[in-house]
């Protein structure tokens, strides 16, 4: 490698190994053949992975958005649902922070493991009836609108769980 005298940058020389960062690029000789376009292993795994990924991403995006709304409206929702403002603010901010962190972490995983999607399914299917029972029996001492919102959150969990289960089963070829 030859270094430029005035610029301080490395100038590539002819005798570098193939794949070197400084290798000269001969674009006319490095064209992708039409048979190879769109057929890389990353592309293939991404297409097979996309229904599972969309369902998990939708789950995280929804709860992040819900957390943002709850945190932003914590004062009025706290009065309406008979919940301390600090509890709603803390819970909402936790969702706002954890949602994007998990989305970024999951974006680094290719393909998305079926076990991870199954964990989302199990979590949603366990939390949905728990939320319904808490709303129906008044376990959290919420107002009527608070219990209705909790029941609606349980419904969202059930719908997301069904979507994730369907995506998981279809990606495994199970009918």
Protein backbone atom coordinates (compact mmCIF):
# COMPACT_ATOMS: atom_id res chain seq x y z
CA UNK A 1 0.00 0.00 0.00
CA UNK A 2 1.34 3.40 -0.91
CA UNK A 3 0.47 6.40 1.20
CA UNK A 4 -0.10 9.80 -0.38
CA UNK A 5 2.44 12.37 0.70
CA UNK A 6 0.11 15.31 1.11
CA UNK A 7 -3.33 13.85 1.79
CA UNK A 8 -2.53 11.35 4.52
CA UNK A 9 -4.89 8.83 2.92
CA UNK A 10 -3.87 5.40 1.67
CA UNK A 11 -3.73 4.95 -2.08
CA UNK A 12 -4.44 1.38 -3.22
CA UNK A 13 -1.70 -0.50 -5.04
CA UNK A 14 -2.08 -3.33 -7.54
CA UNK A 15 -0.91 -6.24 -5.39
CA UNK A 16 -3.58 -6.46 -2.70
CA UNK A 17 -5.49 -9.59 -1.88
CA UNK A 18 -8.96 -10.01 -3.29
CA UNK A 19 -11.56 -8.62 -0.92
CA UNK A 20 -9.32 -5.97 0.55
CA UNK A 21 -11.01 -2.74 1.52
CA UNK A 22 -8.53 -0.88 -0.64
CA UNK A 23 -8.89 -3.18 -3.66
CA UNK A 24 -9.40 -1.39 -6.93
CA UNK A 25 -12.90 -1.84 -8.20
CA UNK A 26 -13.34 -2.80 -11.82
CA UNK A 27 -17.07 -2.21 -12.07
CA UNK A 28 -17.34 -3.52 -15.59
CA UNK A 29 -16.06 -6.92 -14.43
CA UNK A 30 -18.01 -7.03 -11.16
CA UNK A 31 -21.54 -6.88 -12.45
CA UNK A 32 -24.09 -9.24 -10.98
CA UNK A 33 -25.46 -11.73 -13.43
CA UNK A 34 -29.24 -11.65 -13.99
CA UNK A 35 -29.55 -15.18 -12.57
CA UNK A 36 -28.17 -14.08 -9.21
CA UNK A 37 -30.33 -11.00 -8.68
CA UNK A 38 -32.54 -11.36 -5.61
CA UNK A 39 -31.38 -14.86 -4.75
CA UNK A 40 -28.90 -14.28 -1.94
CA UNK A 41 -29.34 -16.32 1.21
CA UNK A 42 -30.14 -13.13 3.14
CA UNK A 43 -32.92 -12.26 0.73
CA UNK A 44 -34.35 -15.77 0.80
CA UNK A 45 -34.30 -15.94 4.62
CA UNK A 46 -35.77 -12.43 4.81
CA UNK A 47 -38.75 -13.40 2.64
CA UNK A 48 -39.42 -16.56 4.65
CA UNK A 49 -39.00 -14.60 7.86
CA UNK A 50 -41.14 -11.55 7.03
CA UNK A 51 -44.59 -12.74 8.29
CA UNK A 52 -43.12 -13.64 11.68
CA UNK A 53 -41.11 -10.43 11.83
CA UNK A 54 -44.10 -8.25 10.88
CA UNK A 55 -46.25 -9.75 13.63
CA UNK A 56 -43.60 -9.26 16.32
CA UNK A 57 -42.75 -5.77 15.05
CA UNK A 58 -46.44 -4.82 15.09
CA UNK A 59 -46.67 -5.99 18.70
CA UNK A 60 -43.71 -3.85 19.76
CA UNK A 61 -44.78 -0.82 17.72
CA UNK A 62 -48.33 -0.94 19.10
CA UNK A 63 -47.22 -1.10 22.73
CA UNK A 64 -44.63 1.62 22.14
CA UNK A 65 -47.33 3.89 20.71
CA UNK A 66 -49.72 2.97 23.52
CA UNK A 67 -47.01 3.76 26.06
CA UNK A 68 -46.40 7.15 24.45
CA UNK A 69 -50.09 8.02 24.59
CA UNK A 70 -50.38 6.84 28.20
CA UNK A 71 -47.29 8.80 29.25
CA UNK A 72 -48.44 11.94 27.42
CA UNK A 73 -51.95 11.80 28.87
CA UNK A 74 -50.99 10.39 32.27
CA UNK A 75 -52.57 13.22 34.24
CA UNK A 76 -56.03 13.08 32.64
CA UNK A 77 -56.01 9.28 32.27
CA UNK A 78 -54.96 8.92 35.90
CA UNK A 79 -57.93 11.00 37.02
CA UNK A 80 -60.28 9.14 34.70
CA UNK A 81 -59.07 5.62 35.58
CA UNK A 82 -58.39 6.32 39.31
CA UNK A 83 -54.70 5.49 38.95
CA UNK A 84 -51.82 7.61 40.29
CA UNK A 85 -50.25 9.74 37.57
CA UNK A 86 -46.74 8.51 38.46
CA UNK A 87 -47.72 4.89 37.81
CA UNK A 88 -49.07 5.70 34.35
CA UNK A 89 -46.10 7.92 33.52
CA UNK A 90 -43.57 5.29 34.63
CA UNK A 91 -45.35 2.47 32.80
CA UNK A 92 -45.82 4.50 29.64
CA UNK A 93 -42.20 5.64 29.57
CA UNK A 94 -41.02 2.07 30.15
CA UNK A 95 -42.95 0.98 27.05
CA UNK A 96 -41.65 3.97 25.06
CA UNK A 97 -38.05 3.11 25.94
CA UNK A 98 -38.16 -0.69 25.77
CA UNK A 99 -40.15 -0.93 22.53
CA UNK A 100 -37.59 0.71 20.24
CA UNK A 101 -34.70 -0.98 22.05
CA UNK A 102 -36.28 -4.39 21.43
CA UNK A 103 -37.09 -3.47 17.82
CA UNK A 104 -33.48 -2.50 17.18
CA UNK A 105 -32.20 -5.63 18.90
CA UNK A 106 -34.57 -7.88 16.95
CA UNK A 107 -33.61 -6.18 13.67
CA UNK A 108 -30.10 -7.55 14.15
CA UNK A 109 -31.38 -11.14 14.30
CA UNK A 110 -31.80 -12.79 10.87
CA UNK A 111 -33.84 -14.94 10.56
CA UNK A 112 -36.11 -14.40 13.54
CA UNK A 113 -36.09 -17.66 15.55
CA UNK A 114 -39.39 -19.47 15.88
CA UNK A 115 -38.80 -19.83 19.62
CA UNK A 116 -38.72 -16.07 19.99
CA UNK A 117 -42.01 -15.68 18.13
CA UNK A 118 -43.45 -18.50 20.25
CA UNK A 119 -42.42 -16.57 23.37
CA UNK A 120 -44.42 -13.56 22.12
CA UNK A 121 -47.39 -15.86 21.42
CA UNK A 122 -47.27 -17.41 24.91
CA UNK A 123 -46.86 -14.02 26.57
CA UNK A 124 -49.84 -12.56 24.71
CA UNK A 125 -51.99 -15.63 25.36
CA UNK A 126 -51.17 -15.54 29.09
CA UNK A 127 -51.59 -11.79 29.55
CA UNK A 128 -54.86 -11.46 27.60
CA UNK A 129 -57.02 -13.60 29.92
CA UNK A 130 -55.23 -12.14 32.94
CA UNK A 131 -56.16 -8.63 31.80
CA UNK A 132 -59.75 -9.74 31.16
CA UNK A 133 -60.03 -11.34 34.61
CA UNK A 134 -58.49 -8.27 36.30
CA UNK A 135 -60.98 -6.04 34.49
CA UNK A 136 -63.99 -8.29 35.14
CA UNK A 137 -63.31 -8.86 38.84
CA UNK A 138 -61.97 -5.37 39.58
CA UNK A 139 -58.63 -6.67 40.93
CA UNK A 140 -56.84 -3.38 40.18
CA UNK A 141 -59.46 -1.07 41.69
CA UNK A 142 -59.79 0.90 38.44
CA UNK A 143 -62.80 2.96 37.46
CA UNK A 144 -65.25 1.52 34.96
CA UNK A 145 -63.48 3.25 32.00
CA UNK A 146 -60.15 1.93 33.33
CA UNK A 147 -61.49 -1.62 33.45
CA UNK A 148 -62.92 -1.23 29.93
CA UNK A 149 -59.51 -0.05 28.68
CA UNK A 150 -57.82 -2.99 30.41
CA UNK A 151 -60.26 -5.39 28.75
CA UNK A 152 -59.58 -3.73 25.37
CA UNK A 153 -55.83 -4.14 25.98
CA UNK A 154 -56.49 -7.83 26.62
CA UNK A 155 -58.33 -8.02 23.30
CA UNK A 156 -55.36 -6.41 21.53
CA UNK A 157 -53.04 -8.96 23.17
CA UNK A 158 -55.25 -11.81 21.99
CA UNK A 159 -55.41 -10.48 18.42
CA UNK A 160 -51.64 -9.98 18.29
CA UNK A 161 -51.11 -13.46 19.74
CA UNK A 162 -53.36 -15.04 17.10
CA UNK A 163 -51.53 -13.14 14.34
CA UNK A 164 -48.16 -14.27 15.68
CA UNK A 165 -49.32 -17.88 16.04
CA UNK A 166 -50.67 -17.86 12.48
CA UNK A 167 -47.41 -16.41 11.16
CA UNK A 168 -45.40 -18.95 13.13
CA UNK A 169 -47.45 -21.91 11.91
CA UNK A 170 -47.45 -20.77 8.28
CA UNK A 171 -43.67 -20.30 8.30
CA UNK A 172 -43.24 -23.86 9.57
CA UNK A 173 -45.59 -25.24 6.93
CA UNK A 174 -48.18 -26.42 9.46
CA UNK A 175 -51.82 -25.95 8.52
